[in-house]
C-alpha cells in the first residue's frame, strides 16, 4: 500500500514540475536544461529497472543517479521561476 501511494504521489509531483517548466519558466536555456535533466533521470530509471530484472547488483547506482537528476531538475525548476 505505501509503495503504491509513493508511486502515485511521485507521478503527480513530476507532472506538476513538468507543467511548471512548460508554462511558468520563460528562459529557453532553463527549459532545455531542466528537460534534459528529467530525460537523463528517466533514462537512468529505465536502465536501472532493466538491469534489476536481470539480477544485476549495480541497479541501485542508476536508481541513485535518477534521484540526483530529478533533484537537480526540481531545484533548477524552483530557482528559475524567481
C-alpha atoms as a PDB file:
ATOM      1  CA  UNK A   1       0.000   0.000   0.000  1.00  0.00           C
ATOM      2  CA  UNK A   2       2.746   2.505   0.920  1.00  0.00           C
ATOM      3  CA  UNK A   3       4.729   1.769  -2.233  1.00  0.00           C
ATOM      4  CA  UNK A   4       1.633   2.371  -4.356  1.00  0.00           C
ATOM      5  CA  UNK A   5       0.962   5.663  -2.563  1.00  0.00           C
ATOM      6  CA  UNK A   6       4.607   6.673  -3.142  1.00  0.00           C
ATOM      7  CA  UNK A   7       4.366   5.957  -6.873  1.00  0.00           C
ATOM      8  CA  UNK A   8       1.118   7.907  -7.200  1.00  0.00           C
ATOM      9  CA  UNK A   9       2.477  10.936  -5.316  1.00  0.00           C
ATOM     10  CA  UNK A  10       5.775  10.889  -7.235  1.00  0.00           C
ATOM     11  CA  UNK A  11       3.949  10.845 -10.573  1.00  0.00           C
ATOM     12  CA  UNK A  12       1.628  13.683  -9.550  1.00  0.00           C
ATOM     13  CA  UNK A  13       4.606  15.725  -8.324  1.00  0.00           C
ATOM     14  CA  UNK A  14       6.543  15.073 -11.523  1.00  0.00           C
ATOM     15  CA  UNK A  15       3.548  16.217 -13.554  1.00  0.00           C
ATOM     16  CA  UNK A  16       3.393  19.445 -11.557  1.00  0.00           C
ATOM     17  CA  UNK A  17       7.098  20.146 -12.095  1.00  0.00           C
ATOM     18  CA  UNK A  18       6.830  19.441 -15.829  1.00  0.00           C
ATOM     19  CA  UNK A  19       3.787  21.711 -16.036  1.00  0.00           C
ATOM     20  CA  UNK A  20       5.661  24.444 -14.186  1.00  0.00           C
ATOM     21  CA  UNK A  21       8.546  24.133 -16.645  1.00  0.00           C
ATOM     22  CA  UNK A  22       6.198  24.321 -19.619  1.00  0.00           C
ATOM     23  CA  UNK A  23       4.055  27.267 -18.503  1.00  0.00           C
ATOM     24  CA  UNK A  24       5.930  29.350 -15.945  1.00  0.00           C
ATOM     25  CA  UNK A  25       9.580  29.278 -16.994  1.00  0.00           C
ATOM     26  CA  UNK A  26      10.228  31.628 -19.910  1.00  0.00           C
ATOM     27  CA  UNK A  27      14.014  31.413 -20.391  1.00  0.00           C
ATOM     28  CA  UNK A  28      14.703  28.791 -23.097  1.00  0.00           C
ATOM     29  CA  UNK A  29      18.077  27.805 -21.608  1.00  0.00           C
ATOM     30  CA  UNK A  30      16.388  26.830 -18.345  1.00  0.00           C
ATOM     31  CA  UNK A  31      13.615  24.956 -20.159  1.00  0.00           C
ATOM     32  CA  UNK A  32      16.091  22.852 -22.142  1.00  0.00           C
ATOM     33  CA  UNK A  33      18.374  22.250 -19.165  1.00  0.00           C
ATOM     34  CA  UNK A  34      15.511  21.144 -16.917  1.00  0.00           C
ATOM     35  CA  UNK A  35      14.080  18.948 -19.656  1.00  0.00           C
ATOM     36  CA  UNK A  36      17.490  17.377 -20.246  1.00  0.00           C
ATOM     37  CA  UNK A  37      17.934  16.615 -16.554  1.00  0.00           C
ATOM     38  CA  UNK A  38      14.486  14.995 -16.411  1.00  0.00           C
ATOM     39  CA  UNK A  39      15.163  12.986 -19.579  1.00  0.00           C
ATOM     40  CA  UNK A  40      18.509  11.807 -18.209  1.00  0.00           C
ATOM     41  CA  UNK A  41      16.841  10.824 -14.944  1.00  0.00           C
ATOM     42  CA  UNK A  42      14.131   8.898 -16.782  1.00  0.00           C
ATOM     43  CA  UNK A  43      16.759   7.098 -18.855  1.00  0.00           C
ATOM     44  CA  UNK A  44      18.671   6.116 -15.706  1.00  0.00           C
ATOM     45  CA  UNK A  45      15.445   4.843 -14.147  1.00  0.00           C
ATOM     46  CA  UNK A  46      14.528   2.736 -17.170  1.00  0.00           C
ATOM     47  CA  UNK A  47      18.016   1.279 -17.494  1.00  0.00           C
ATOM     48  CA  UNK A  48      18.208   0.597 -13.751  1.00  0.00           C
ATOM     49  CA  UNK A  49      14.872  -1.225 -13.919  1.00  0.00           C
ATOM     50  CA  UNK A  50      16.067  -3.351 -16.826  1.00  0.00           C
ATOM     51  CA  UNK A  51      19.284  -4.417 -15.135  1.00  0.00           C
ATOM     52  CA  UNK A  52      17.423  -5.027 -11.858  1.00  0.00           C
ATOM     53  CA  UNK A  53      15.262  -7.567 -13.674  1.00  0.00           C
ATOM     54  CA  UNK A  54      18.479  -9.235 -14.843  1.00  0.00           C
ATOM     55  CA  UNK A  55      19.575  -9.525 -11.189  1.00  0.00           C
ATOM     56  CA  UNK A  56      22.478  -7.134 -11.716  1.00  0.00           C
ATOM     57  CA  UNK A  57      23.622  -5.884  -8.311  1.00  0.00           C
ATOM     58  CA  UNK A  58      24.569  -2.445  -9.659  1.00  0.00           C
ATOM     59  CA  UNK A  59      20.986  -1.391 -10.420  1.00  0.00           C
ATOM     60  CA  UNK A  60      20.940   0.918  -7.397  1.00  0.00           C
ATOM     61  CA  UNK A  61      23.628   3.130  -8.962  1.00  0.00           C
ATOM     62  CA  UNK A  62      21.255   4.034 -11.783  1.00  0.00           C
ATOM     63  CA  UNK A  63      18.387   4.451  -9.356  1.00  0.00           C
ATOM     64  CA  UNK A  64      20.508   6.849  -7.301  1.00  0.00           C
ATOM     65  CA  UNK A  65      21.529   8.702 -10.466  1.00  0.00           C
ATOM     66  CA  UNK A  66      17.838   9.074 -11.328  1.00  0.00           C
ATOM     67  CA  UNK A  67      17.166  10.661  -7.937  1.00  0.00           C
ATOM     68  CA  UNK A  68      20.133  13.013  -8.395  1.00  0.00           C
ATOM     69  CA  UNK A  69      18.976  14.137 -11.856  1.00  0.00           C
ATOM     70  CA  UNK A  70      15.406  14.692 -10.672  1.00  0.00           C
ATOM     71  CA  UNK A  71      16.626  16.608  -7.625  1.00  0.00           C
ATOM     72  CA  UNK A  72      18.780  18.854  -9.826  1.00  0.00           C
ATOM     73  CA  UNK A  73      15.891  19.393 -12.237  1.00  0.00           C
ATOM     74  CA  UNK A  74      13.450  20.192  -9.438  1.00  0.00           C
ATOM     75  CA  UNK A  75      15.947  22.557  -7.795  1.00  0.00           C
ATOM     76  CA  UNK A  76      16.555  24.457 -11.032  1.00  0.00           C
ATOM     77  CA  UNK A  77      12.814  24.428 -11.686  1.00  0.00           C
ATOM     78  CA  UNK A  78      12.121  26.194  -8.389  1.00  0.00           C
ATOM     79  CA  UNK A  79      15.063  28.605  -8.637  1.00  0.00           C
ATOM     80  CA  UNK A  80      14.498  29.562 -12.290  1.00  0.00           C
ATOM     81  CA  UNK A  81      10.993  30.783 -11.556  1.00  0.00           C
ATOM     82  CA  UNK A  82      12.149  33.540  -9.224  1.00  0.00           C
END
